[in-house]
Amino acid sequence: MVDFGFGLVPSSRINLDLFDKARYEELASVEPDVRKCMSCGSCTAVCTAGKYSATSLREAIECIHNGQPDKALGMLKSCQFCGKCTMVCPRGINTRHLILSINKTYGKL
C-alpha cells in the first residue's frame, strides 16, 4: 500500500434532523441579531482571546446552526467581553449580548 501523506477519517457529517430547532428559535427570540450574522469573521480577526485560545463567535454561531451547542459554548468560554468584536461588526451586532444570550439559552460558560 502506498503512503500518500494523509489518512482518511470518519465522516464529520451532521444529521440536521436531530437538531433542536426550537432552542435556536428561543435564542433568536432573545437575541434577533443572531440571524444577522453573515459569518464574515471580523469578530474573530480582532478577538484578543482568540489569539491565545480557540475563541470564535463566528464559528460558535455556525456550531449552533449545525446543532452543536456544547461545542459553541466551549468556543466562547474564554471570551473576555472586551467589546472589540462589537466595534468591528459590519452588521452592528451587539456581540456581548449575543454571547450572554447563547450562554442563557444553551448552558453556562
PDB file of N, CA and C in Angstrom:
ATOM      1  N   MET A   1       0.835  -1.173   0.000  1.00  0.00           N
ATOM      2  CA  MET A   1       0.000   0.000   0.000  1.00  0.00           C
ATOM      3  C   MET A   1       0.887   1.247   0.000  1.00  0.00           C
ATOM      4  N   VAL A   2       0.518   2.244  -0.772  1.00  0.00           N
ATOM      5  CA  VAL A   2       1.294   3.466  -0.908  1.00  0.00           C
ATOM      6  C   VAL A   2       0.840   4.486   0.136  1.00  0.00           C
ATOM      7  N   ASP A   3       1.809   5.139   0.773  1.00  0.00           N
ATOM      8  CA  ASP A   3       1.505   6.189   1.751  1.00  0.00           C
ATOM      9  C   ASP A   3       1.512   7.537   1.035  1.00  0.00           C
ATOM     10  N   PHE A   4       0.364   8.191   0.963  1.00  0.00           N
ATOM     11  CA  PHE A   4       0.246   9.477   0.288  1.00  0.00           C
ATOM     12  C   PHE A   4       0.427  10.670   1.224  1.00  0.00           C
ATOM     13  N   GLY A   5       0.704  10.426   2.502  1.00  0.00           N
ATOM     14  CA  GLY A   5       0.938  11.515   3.444  1.00  0.00           C
ATOM     15  C   GLY A   5      -0.310  12.026   4.135  1.00  0.00           C
ATOM     16  N   PHE A   6      -1.427  11.366   3.944  1.00  0.00           N
ATOM     17  CA  PHE A   6      -2.647  11.749   4.642  1.00  0.00           C
ATOM     18  C   PHE A   6      -3.469  10.496   4.890  1.00  0.00           C
ATOM     19  N   GLY A   7      -4.401  10.603   5.794  1.00  0.00           N
ATOM     20  CA  GLY A   7      -5.260   9.469   6.101  1.00  0.00           C
ATOM     21  C   GLY A   7      -6.720   9.866   6.031  1.00  0.00           C
ATOM     22  N   LEU A   8      -7.555   8.897   5.844  1.00  0.00           N
ATOM     23  CA  LEU A   8      -8.988   9.143   5.815  1.00  0.00           C
ATOM     24  C   LEU A   8      -9.542   9.038   7.233  1.00  0.00           C
ATOM     25  N   VAL A   9     -10.400   9.961   7.586  1.00  0.00           N
ATOM     26  CA  VAL A   9     -11.009   9.967   8.916  1.00  0.00           C
ATOM     27  C   VAL A   9     -12.510   9.753   8.761  1.00  0.00           C
ATOM     28  N   PRO A  10     -13.154   9.319   9.836  1.00  0.00           N
ATOM     29  CA  PRO A  10     -14.608   9.138   9.760  1.00  0.00           C
ATOM     30  C   PRO A  10     -15.297  10.444   9.369  1.00  0.00           C
ATOM     31  N   SER A  11     -16.433  10.329   8.754  1.00  0.00           N
ATOM     32  CA  SER A  11     -17.181  11.484   8.288  1.00  0.00           C
ATOM     33  C   SER A  11     -17.562  12.388   9.448  1.00  0.00           C
ATOM     34  N   SER A  12     -17.556  13.672   9.209  1.00  0.00           N
ATOM     35  CA  SER A  12     -17.977  14.637  10.224  1.00  0.00           C
ATOM     36  C   SER A  12     -19.338  15.221   9.868  1.00  0.00           C
ATOM     37  N   ARG A  13     -20.105  14.458   9.105  1.00  0.00           N
ATOM     38  CA  ARG A  13     -21.440  14.918   8.743  1.00  0.00           C
ATOM     39  C   ARG A  13     -22.295  15.095   9.984  1.00  0.00           C
ATOM     40  N   ILE A  14     -23.202  16.061   9.909  1.00  0.00           N
ATOM     41  CA  ILE A  14     -24.112  16.340  10.999  1.00  0.00           C
ATOM     42  C   ILE A  14     -25.522  16.034  10.523  1.00  0.00           C
ATOM     43  N   ASN A  15     -26.255  15.280  11.308  1.00  0.00           N
ATOM     44  CA  ASN A  15     -27.638  14.971  10.969  1.00  0.00           C
ATOM     45  C   ASN A  15     -28.520  16.114  11.470  1.00  0.00           C
ATOM     46  N   LEU A  16     -28.908  17.012  10.572  1.00  0.00           N
ATOM     47  CA  LEU A  16     -29.699  18.175  10.956  1.00  0.00           C
ATOM     48  C   LEU A  16     -31.115  17.807  11.367  1.00  0.00           C
ATOM     49  N   ASP A  17     -31.550  16.581  11.083  1.00  0.00           N
ATOM     50  CA  ASP A  17     -32.869  16.145  11.541  1.00  0.00           C
ATOM     51  C   ASP A  17     -32.892  15.984  13.059  1.00  0.00           C
ATOM     52  N   LEU A  18     -31.723  15.779  13.665  1.00  0.00           N
ATOM     53  CA  LEU A  18     -31.640  15.638  15.111  1.00  0.00           C
ATOM     54  C   LEU A  18     -31.464  16.984  15.815  1.00  0.00           C
ATOM     55  N   PHE A  19     -31.301  18.048  15.067  1.00  0.00           N
ATOM     56  CA  PHE A  19     -31.064  19.385  15.590  1.00  0.00           C
ATOM     57  C   PHE A  19     -32.351  19.934  16.199  1.00  0.00           C
ATOM     58  N   ASP A  20     -32.270  20.441  17.422  1.00  0.00           N
ATOM     59  CA  ASP A  20     -33.421  21.001  18.117  1.00  0.00           C
ATOM     60  C   ASP A  20     -33.634  22.443  17.659  1.00  0.00           C
ATOM     61  N   LYS A  21     -34.456  22.620  16.640  1.00  0.00           N
ATOM     62  CA  LYS A  21     -34.690  23.948  16.071  1.00  0.00           C
ATOM     63  C   LYS A  21     -35.407  24.874  17.042  1.00  0.00           C
ATOM     64  N   ALA A  22     -36.153  24.334  17.982  1.00  0.00           N
ATOM     65  CA  ALA A  22     -36.878  25.147  18.956  1.00  0.00           C
ATOM     66  C   ALA A  22     -35.908  25.927  19.838  1.00  0.00           C
ATOM     67  N   ARG A  23     -34.796  25.333  20.191  1.00  0.00           N
ATOM     68  CA  ARG A  23     -33.810  26.035  21.031  1.00  0.00           C
ATOM     69  C   ARG A  23     -33.136  27.157  20.261  1.00  0.00           C
ATOM     70  N   TYR A  24     -32.894  26.940  18.949  1.00  0.00           N
ATOM     71  CA  TYR A  24     -32.330  28.016  18.134  1.00  0.00           C
ATOM     72  C   TYR A  24     -33.328  29.161  18.017  1.00  0.00           C
ATOM     73  N   GLU A  25     -34.591  28.835  17.855  1.00  0.00           N
ATOM     74  CA  GLU A  25     -35.630  29.869  17.765  1.00  0.00           C
ATOM     75  C   GLU A  25     -35.750  30.615  19.088  1.00  0.00           C
ATOM     76  N   GLU A  26     -35.552  29.917  20.201  1.00  0.00           N
ATOM     77  CA  GLU A  26     -35.553  30.565  21.516  1.00  0.00           C
ATOM     78  C   GLU A  26     -34.407  31.576  21.603  1.00  0.00           C
ATOM     79  N   LEU A  27     -33.237  31.179  21.120  1.00  0.00           N
ATOM     80  CA  LEU A  27     -32.097  32.103  21.080  1.00  0.00           C
ATOM     81  C   LEU A  27     -32.416  33.300  20.190  1.00  0.00           C
ATOM     82  N   ALA A  28     -32.999  33.059  19.021  1.00  0.00           N
ATOM     83  CA  ALA A  28     -33.325  34.140  18.090  1.00  0.00           C
ATOM     84  C   ALA A  28     -34.387  35.071  18.656  1.00  0.00           C
ATOM     85  N   SER A  29     -35.278  34.565  19.501  1.00  0.00           N
ATOM     86  CA  SER A  29     -36.285  35.445  20.111  1.00  0.00           C
ATOM     87  C   SER A  29     -35.667  36.330  21.187  1.00  0.00           C
ATOM     88  N   VAL A  30     -34.668  35.805  21.898  1.00  0.00           N
ATOM     89  CA  VAL A  30     -33.968  36.593  22.909  1.00  0.00           C
ATOM     90  C   VAL A  30     -33.010  37.583  22.251  1.00  0.00           C
ATOM     91  N   GLU A  31     -32.305  37.118  21.219  1.00  0.00           N
ATOM     92  CA  GLU A  31     -31.308  37.935  20.524  1.00  0.00           C
ATOM     93  C   GLU A  31     -31.484  37.787  19.020  1.00  0.00           C
ATOM     94  N   PRO A  32     -32.365  38.611  18.408  1.00  0.00           N
ATOM     95  CA  PRO A  32     -32.620  38.501  16.962  1.00  0.00           C
ATOM     96  C   PRO A  32     -31.387  38.749  16.092  1.00  0.00           C
ATOM     97  N   ASP A  33     -30.373  39.405  16.649  1.00  0.00           N
ATOM     98  CA  ASP A  33     -29.153  39.683  15.889  1.00  0.00           C
ATOM     99  C   ASP A  33     -28.444  38.422  15.423  1.00  0.00           C
ATOM    100  N   VAL A  34     -28.711  37.281  16.053  1.00  0.00           N
ATOM    101  CA  VAL A  34     -28.049  36.041  15.637  1.00  0.00           C
ATOM    102  C   VAL A  34     -28.387  35.727  14.174  1.00  0.00           C
ATOM    103  N   ARG A  35     -29.533  36.158  13.708  1.00  0.00           N
ATOM    104  CA  ARG A  35     -29.926  35.935  12.316  1.00  0.00           C
ATOM    105  C   ARG A  35     -29.204  36.884  11.354  1.00  0.00           C
ATOM    106  N   LYS A  36     -28.677  37.988  11.876  1.00  0.00           N
ATOM    107  CA  LYS A  36     -27.996  38.975  11.027  1.00  0.00           C
ATOM    108  C   LYS A  36     -26.569  38.584  10.673  1.00  0.00           C
ATOM    109  N   CYS A  37     -25.977  37.702  11.460  1.00  0.00           N
ATOM    110  CA  CYS A  37     -24.572  37.351  11.256  1.00  0.00           C
ATOM    111  C   CYS A  37     -24.371  36.741   9.875  1.00  0.00           C
ATOM    112  N   MET A  38     -23.391  37.279   9.143  1.00  0.00           N
ATOM    113  CA  MET A  38     -23.094  36.768   7.803  1.00  0.00           C
ATOM    114  C   MET A  38     -21.777  35.996   7.780  1.00  0.00           C
ATOM    115  N   SER A  39     -21.249  35.671   8.952  1.00  0.00           N
ATOM    116  CA  SER A  39     -20.026  34.874   9.089  1.00  0.00           C
ATOM    117  C   SER A  39     -18.839  35.473   8.355  1.00  0.00           C
ATOM    118  N   CYS A  40     -18.680  36.790   8.470  1.00  0.00           N
ATOM    119  CA  CYS A  40     -17.577  37.453   7.773  1.00  0.00           C
ATOM    120  C   CYS A  40     -16.234  37.215   8.468  1.00  0.00           C
ATOM    121  N   GLY A  41     -16.265  36.971   9.796  1.00  0.00           N
ATOM    122  CA  GLY A  41     -15.035  36.706  10.532  1.00  0.00           C
ATOM    123  C   GLY A  41     -14.360  37.929  11.116  1.00  0.00           C
ATOM    124  N   SER A  42     -14.968  39.105  10.990  1.00  0.00           N
ATOM    125  CA  SER A  42     -14.371  40.321  11.555  1.00  0.00           C
ATOM    126  C   SER A  42     -14.205  40.188  13.062  1.00  0.00           C
ATOM    127  N   CYS A  43     -15.201  39.604  13.720  1.00  0.00           N
ATOM    128  CA  CYS A  43     -15.136  39.449  15.177  1.00  0.00           C
ATOM    129  C   CYS A  43     -13.968  38.551  15.584  1.00  0.00           C
ATOM    130  N   THR A  44     -13.780  37.490  14.842  1.00  0.00           N
ATOM    131  CA  THR A  44     -12.702  36.553  15.141  1.00  0.00           C
ATOM    132  C   THR A  44     -11.338  37.183  14.873  1.00  0.00           C
ATOM    133  N   ALA A  45     -11.255  38.027  13.861  1.00  0.00           N
ATOM    134  CA  ALA A  45      -9.978  38.645  13.493  1.00  0.00           C
ATOM    135  C   ALA A  45      -9.448  39.584  14.574  1.00  0.00           C
ATOM    136  N   VAL A  46     -10.337  40.245  15.307  1.00  0.00           N
ATOM    137  CA  VAL A  46      -9.885  41.207  16.324  1.00  0.00           C
ATOM    138  C   VAL A  46      -9.925  40.645  17.733  1.00  0.00           C
ATOM    139  N   CYS A  47     -10.372  39.419  17.891  1.00  0.00           N
ATOM    140  CA  CYS A  47     -10.569  38.833  19.217  1.00  0.00           C
ATOM    141  C   CYS A  47      -9.247  38.673  19.968  1.00  0.00           C
ATOM    142  N   THR A  48      -9.178  39.312  21.134  1.00  0.00           N
ATOM    143  CA  THR A  48      -7.984  39.217  21.977  1.00  0.00           C
ATOM    144  C   THR A  48      -7.809  37.791  22.488  1.00  0.00           C
ATOM    145  N   ALA A  49      -8.889  37.197  22.951  1.00  0.00           N
ATOM    146  CA  ALA A  49      -8.819  35.821  23.472  1.00  0.00           C
ATOM    147  C   ALA A  49      -8.523  34.827  22.356  1.00  0.00           C
ATOM    148  N   GLY A  50      -8.966  35.123  21.145  1.00  0.00           N
ATOM    149  CA  GLY A  50      -8.770  34.225  20.012  1.00  0.00           C
ATOM    150  C   GLY A  50      -7.325  34.037  19.621  1.00  0.00           C
ATOM    151  N   LYS A  51      -6.483  34.970  20.010  1.00  0.00           N
ATOM    152  CA  LYS A  51      -5.057  34.838  19.712  1.00  0.00           C
ATOM    153  C   LYS A  51      -4.399  33.765  20.579  1.00  0.00           C
ATOM    154  N   TYR A  52      -5.030  33.457  21.728  1.00  0.00           N
ATOM    155  CA  TYR A  52      -4.430  32.533  22.679  1.00  0.00           C
ATOM    156  C   TYR A  52      -5.255  31.277  22.926  1.00  0.00           C
ATOM    157  N   SER A  53      -6.489  31.259  22.451  1.00  0.00           N
ATOM    158  CA  SER A  53      -7.354  30.096  22.650  1.00  0.00           C
ATOM    159  C   SER A  53      -8.283  29.957  21.449  1.00  0.00           C
ATOM    160  N   ALA A  54      -9.056  28.904  21.438  1.00  0.00           N
ATOM    161  CA  ALA A  54      -9.974  28.652  20.322  1.00  0.00           C
ATOM    162  C   ALA A  54     -11.291  29.395  20.533  1.00  0.00           C
ATOM    163  N   THR A  55     -11.218  30.724  20.651  1.00  0.00           N
ATOM    164  CA  THR A  55     -12.399  31.552  20.843  1.00  0.00           C
ATOM    165  C   THR A  55     -12.807  32.136  19.499  1.00  0.00           C
ATOM    166  N   SER A  56     -14.041  31.862  19.077  1.00  0.00           N
ATOM    167  CA  SER A  56     -14.520  32.372  17.805  1.00  0.00           C
ATOM    168  C   SER A  56     -16.037  32.460  17.828  1.00  0.00           C
ATOM    169  N   LEU A  57     -16.559  33.669  17.858  1.00  0.00           N
ATOM    170  CA  LEU A  57     -18.007  33.853  17.837  1.00  0.00           C
ATOM    171  C   LEU A  57     -18.583  33.373  16.514  1.00  0.00           C
ATOM    172  N   ARG A  58     -17.890  33.642  15.429  1.00  0.00           N
ATOM    173  CA  ARG A  58     -18.363  33.211  14.112  1.00  0.00           C
ATOM    174  C   ARG A  58     -18.526  31.693  14.063  1.00  0.00           C
ATOM    175  N   GLU A  59     -17.515  30.980  14.507  1.00  0.00           N
ATOM    176  CA  GLU A  59     -17.590  29.518  14.500  1.00  0.00           C
ATOM    177  C   GLU A  59     -18.627  29.006  15.498  1.00  0.00           C
ATOM    178  N   ALA A  60     -18.773  29.702  16.626  1.00  0.00           N
ATOM    179  CA  ALA A  60     -19.775  29.298  17.615  1.00  0.00           C
ATOM    180  C   ALA A  60     -21.184  29.401  17.029  1.00  0.00           C
ATOM    181  N   ILE A  61     -21.460  30.462  16.287  1.00  0.00           N
ATOM    182  CA  ILE A  61     -22.770  30.614  15.650  1.00  0.00           C
ATOM    183  C   ILE A  61     -22.977  29.510  14.622  1.00  0.00           C
ATOM    184  N   GLU A  62     -21.934  29.180  13.871  1.00  0.00           N
ATOM    185  CA  GLU A  62     -22.037  28.087  12.903  1.00  0.00           C
ATOM    186  C   GLU A  62     -22.307  26.760  13.612  1.00  0.00           C
ATOM    187  N   CYS A  63     -21.671  26.533  14.759  1.00  0.00           N
ATOM    188  CA  CYS A  63     -21.917  25.304  15.519  1.00  0.00           C
ATOM    189  C   CYS A  63     -23.366  25.246  15.994  1.00  0.00           C
ATOM    190  N   ILE A  64     -23.901  26.379  16.408  1.00  0.00           N
ATOM    191  CA  ILE A  64     -25.297  26.413  16.832  1.00  0.00           C
ATOM    192  C   ILE A  64     -26.206  26.102  15.650  1.00  0.00           C
ATOM    193  N   HIS A  65     -25.900  26.664  14.485  1.00  0.00           N
ATOM    194  CA  HIS A  65     -26.663  26.349  13.275  1.00  0.00           C
ATOM    195  C   HIS A  65     -26.616  24.866  12.965  1.00  0.00           C
ATOM    196  N   ASN A  66     -25.502  24.219  13.268  1.00  0.00           N
ATOM    197  CA  ASN A  66     -25.310  22.798  12.966  1.00  0.00           C
ATOM    198  C   ASN A  66     -25.694  21.881  14.116  1.00  0.00           C
ATOM    199  N   GLY A  67     -26.353  22.438  15.133  1.00  0.00           N
ATOM    200  CA  GLY A  67     -26.828  21.604  16.231  1.00  0.00           C
ATOM    201  C   GLY A  67     -25.763  21.130  17.183  1.00  0.00           C
ATOM    202  N   GLN A  68     -24.706  21.921  17.366  1.00  0.00           N
ATOM    203  CA  GLN A  68     -23.617  21.555  18.275  1.00  0.00           C
ATOM    204  C   GLN A  68     -23.429  22.643  19.337  1.00  0.00           C
ATOM    205  N   PRO A  69     -24.421  22.865  20.202  1.00  0.00           N
ATOM    206  CA  PRO A  69     -24.308  23.956  21.176  1.00  0.00           C
ATOM    207  C   PRO A  69     -23.189  23.762  22.195  1.00  0.00           C
ATOM    208  N   ASP A  70     -22.868  22.521  22.542  1.00  0.00           N
ATOM    209  CA  ASP A  70     -21.786  22.285  23.506  1.00  0.00           C
ATOM    210  C   ASP A  70     -20.449  22.753  22.943  1.00  0.00           C
ATOM    211  N   LYS A  71     -20.228  22.485  21.675  1.00  0.00           N
ATOM    212  CA  LYS A  71     -19.000  22.938  21.020  1.00  0.00           C
ATOM    213  C   LYS A  71     -18.968  24.463  20.967  1.00  0.00           C
ATOM    214  N   ALA A  72     -20.128  25.076  20.709  1.00  0.00           N
ATOM    215  CA  ALA A  72     -20.217  26.540  20.665  1.00  0.00           C
ATOM    216  C   ALA A  72     -19.891  27.143  22.021  1.00  0.00           C
ATOM    217  N   LEU A  73     -20.432  26.569  23.083  1.00  0.00           N
ATOM    218  CA  LEU A  73     -20.142  27.074  24.426  1.00  0.00           C
ATOM    219  C   LEU A  73     -18.656  26.958  24.746  1.00  0.00           C
ATOM    220  N   GLY A  74     -18.033  25.877  24.303  1.00  0.00           N
ATOM    221  CA  GLY A  74     -16.598  25.704  24.515  1.00  0.00           C
ATOM    222  C   GLY A  74     -15.776  26.780  23.826  1.00  0.00           C
ATOM    223  N   MET A  75     -16.230  27.218  22.659  1.00  0.00           N
ATOM    224  CA  MET A  75     -15.511  28.261  21.927  1.00  0.00           C
ATOM    225  C   MET A  75     -15.665  29.633  22.569  1.00  0.00           C
ATOM    226  N   LEU A  76     -16.714  29.826  23.341  1.00  0.00           N
ATOM    227  CA  LEU A  76     -16.977  31.143  23.917  1.00  0.00           C
ATOM    228  C   LEU A  76     -16.537  31.281  25.368  1.00  0.00           C
ATOM    229  N   LYS A  77     -16.078  30.178  25.975  1.00  0.00           N
ATOM    230  CA  LYS A  77     -15.757  30.230  27.402  1.00  0.00           C
ATOM    231  C   LYS A  77     -14.566  31.128  27.728  1.00  0.00           C
ATOM    232  N   SER A  78     -13.713  31.416  26.770  1.00  0.00           N
ATOM    233  CA  SER A  78     -12.546  32.270  27.021  1.00  0.00           C
ATOM    234  C   SER A  78     -12.793  33.736  26.694  1.00  0.00           C
ATOM    235  N   CYS A  79     -14.013  34.060  26.284  1.00  0.00           N
ATOM    236  CA  CYS A  79     -14.326  35.446  25.915  1.00  0.00           C
ATOM    237  C   CYS A  79     -14.065  36.375  27.091  1.00  0.00           C
ATOM    238  N   GLN A  80     -13.390  37.493  26.818  1.00  0.00           N
ATOM    239  CA  GLN A  80     -13.063  38.470  27.849  1.00  0.00           C
ATOM    240  C   GLN A  80     -14.042  39.641  27.863  1.00  0.00           C
ATOM    241  N   PHE A  81     -15.044  39.614  26.996  1.00  0.00           N
ATOM    242  CA  PHE A  81     -16.056  40.661  26.894  1.00  0.00           C
ATOM    243  C   PHE A  81     -15.429  42.048  26.748  1.00  0.00           C
ATOM    244  N   CYS A  82     -14.385  42.122  25.938  1.00  0.00           N
ATOM    245  CA  CYS A  82     -13.685  43.394  25.741  1.00  0.00           C
ATOM    246  C   CYS A  82     -14.454  44.330  24.806  1.00  0.00           C
ATOM    247  N   GLY A  83     -15.280  43.770  23.929  1.00  0.00           N
ATOM    248  CA  GLY A  83     -16.107  44.583  23.048  1.00  0.00           C
ATOM    249  C   GLY A  83     -15.502  44.918  21.702  1.00  0.00           C
ATOM    250  N   LYS A  84     -14.298  44.447  21.427  1.00  0.00           N
ATOM    251  CA  LYS A  84     -13.683  44.729  20.124  1.00  0.00           C
ATOM    252  C   LYS A  84     -14.536  44.200  18.983  1.00  0.00           C
ATOM    253  N   CYS A  85     -15.113  43.010  19.177  1.00  0.00           N
ATOM    254  CA  CYS A  85     -15.916  42.400  18.120  1.00  0.00           C
ATOM    255  C   CYS A  85     -17.165  43.233  17.816  1.00  0.00           C
ATOM    256  N   THR A  86     -17.743  43.844  18.828  1.00  0.00           N
ATOM    257  CA  THR A  86     -18.911  44.705  18.622  1.00  0.00           C
ATOM    258  C   THR A  86     -18.540  45.910  17.773  1.00  0.00           C
ATOM    259  N   MET A  87     -17.358  46.460  18.023  1.00  0.00           N
ATOM    260  CA  MET A  87     -16.933  47.667  17.303  1.00  0.00           C
ATOM    261  C   MET A  87     -16.681  47.411  15.825  1.00  0.00           C
ATOM    262  N   VAL A  88     -16.250  46.210  15.456  1.00  0.00           N
ATOM    263  CA  VAL A  88     -15.894  45.955  14.058  1.00  0.00           C
ATOM    264  C   VAL A  88     -16.987  45.242  13.263  1.00  0.00           C
ATOM    265  N   CYS A  89     -18.047  44.812  13.913  1.00  0.00           N
ATOM    266  CA  CYS A  89     -19.093  44.059  13.208  1.00  0.00           C
ATOM    267  C   CYS A  89     -19.775  44.945  12.166  1.00  0.00           C
ATOM    268  N   PRO A  90     -19.728  44.548  10.883  1.00  0.00           N
ATOM    269  CA  PRO A  90     -20.346  45.371   9.833  1.00  0.00           C
ATOM    270  C   PRO A  90     -21.868  45.383   9.905  1.00  0.00           C
ATOM    271  N   ARG A  91     -22.451  44.444  10.620  1.00  0.00           N
ATOM    272  CA  ARG A  91     -23.907  44.392  10.772  1.00  0.00           C
ATOM    273  C   ARG A  91     -24.376  45.056  12.061  1.00  0.00           C
ATOM    274  N   GLY A  92     -23.450  45.530  12.882  1.00  0.00           N
ATOM    275  CA  GLY A  92     -23.806  46.213  14.124  1.00  0.00           C
ATOM    276  C   GLY A  92     -24.397  45.301  15.185  1.00  0.00           C
ATOM    277  N   ILE A  93     -23.974  44.043  15.192  1.00  0.00           N
ATOM    278  CA  ILE A  93     -24.488  43.076  16.167  1.00  0.00           C
ATOM    279  C   ILE A  93     -23.891  43.367  17.540  1.00  0.00           C
ATOM    280  N   ASN A  94     -24.743  43.373  18.555  1.00  0.00           N
ATOM    281  CA  ASN A  94     -24.277  43.528  19.934  1.00  0.00           C
ATOM    282  C   ASN A  94     -23.747  42.163  20.371  1.00  0.00           C
ATOM    283  N   THR A  95     -22.487  41.929  20.118  1.00  0.00           N
ATOM    284  CA  THR A  95     -21.901  40.607  20.330  1.00  0.00           C
ATOM    285  C   THR A  95     -21.855  40.218  21.800  1.00  0.00           C
ATOM    286  N   ARG A  96     -21.663  41.178  22.676  1.00  0.00           N
ATOM    287  CA  ARG A  96     -21.669  40.854  24.111  1.00  0.00           C
ATOM    288  C   ARG A  96     -23.019  40.266  24.507  1.00  0.00           C
ATOM    289  N   HIS A  97     -24.078  40.937  24.107  1.00  0.00           N
ATOM    290  CA  HIS A  97     -25.414  40.442  24.445  1.00  0.00           C
ATOM    291  C   HIS A  97     -25.676  39.101  23.766  1.00  0.00           C
ATOM    292  N   LEU A  98     -25.186  38.931  22.558  1.00  0.00           N
ATOM    293  CA  LEU A  98     -25.357  37.663  21.855  1.00  0.00           C
ATOM    294  C   LEU A  98     -24.665  36.523  22.601  1.00  0.00           C
ATOM    295  N   ILE A  99     -23.445  36.749  23.049  1.00  0.00           N
ATOM    296  CA  ILE A  99     -22.713  35.708  23.791  1.00  0.00           C
ATOM    297  C   ILE A  99     -23.431  35.376  25.096  1.00  0.00           C
ATOM    298  N   LEU A 100     -23.906  36.397  25.799  1.00  0.00           N
ATOM    299  CA  LEU A 100     -24.652  36.160  27.034  1.00  0.00           C
ATOM    300  C   LEU A 100     -25.968  35.428  26.752  1.00  0.00           C
ATOM    301  N   SER A 101     -26.601  35.731  25.632  1.00  0.00           N
ATOM    302  CA  SER A 101     -27.842  35.056  25.251  1.00  0.00           C
ATOM    303  C   SER A 101     -27.593  33.597  24.899  1.00  0.00           C
ATOM    304  N   ILE A 102     -26.469  33.329  24.232  1.00  0.00           N
ATOM    305  CA  ILE A 102     -26.101  31.939  23.933  1.00  0.00           C
ATOM    306  C   ILE A 102     -25.897  31.178  25.238  1.00  0.00           C
ATOM    307  N   ASN A 103     -25.228  31.815  26.181  1.00  0.00           N
ATOM    308  CA  ASN A 103     -24.997  31.199  27.482  1.00  0.00           C
ATOM    309  C   ASN A 103     -26.319  30.926  28.197  1.00  0.00           C
ATOM    310  N   LYS A 104     -27.225  31.869  28.146  1.00  0.00           N
ATOM    311  CA  LYS A 104     -28.521  31.719  28.818  1.00  0.00           C
ATOM    312  C   LYS A 104     -29.349  30.608  28.161  1.00  0.00           C
ATOM    313  N   THR A 105     -29.294  30.505  26.853  1.00  0.00           N
ATOM    314  CA  THR A 105     -30.107  29.540  26.121  1.00  0.00           C
ATOM    315  C   THR A 105     -29.540  28.135  26.175  1.00  0.00           C
ATOM    316  N   TYR A 106     -28.217  27.999  26.089  1.00  0.00           N
ATOM    317  CA  TYR A 106     -27.605  26.667  25.950  1.00  0.00           C
ATOM    318  C   TYR A 106     -26.832  26.170  27.162  1.00  0.00           C
ATOM    319  N   GLY A 107     -26.643  26.964  28.174  1.00  0.00           N
ATOM    320  CA  GLY A 107     -25.915  26.478  29.329  1.00  0.00           C
ATOM    321  C   GLY A 107     -25.019  27.527  29.916  1.00  0.00           C
ATOM    322  N   LYS A 108     -24.124  27.108  30.735  1.00  0.00           N
ATOM    323  CA  LYS A 108     -23.202  28.013  31.433  1.00  0.00           C
ATOM    324  C   LYS A 108     -21.851  28.034  30.731  1.00  0.00           C
ATOM    325  N   LEU A 109     -21.285  29.238  30.633  1.00  0.00           N
ATOM    326  CA  LEU A 109     -19.936  29.370  30.058  1.00  0.00           C
ATOM    327  C   LEU A 109     -18.899  29.080  31.122  1.00  0.00           C
TER     328      LEU A 109
END
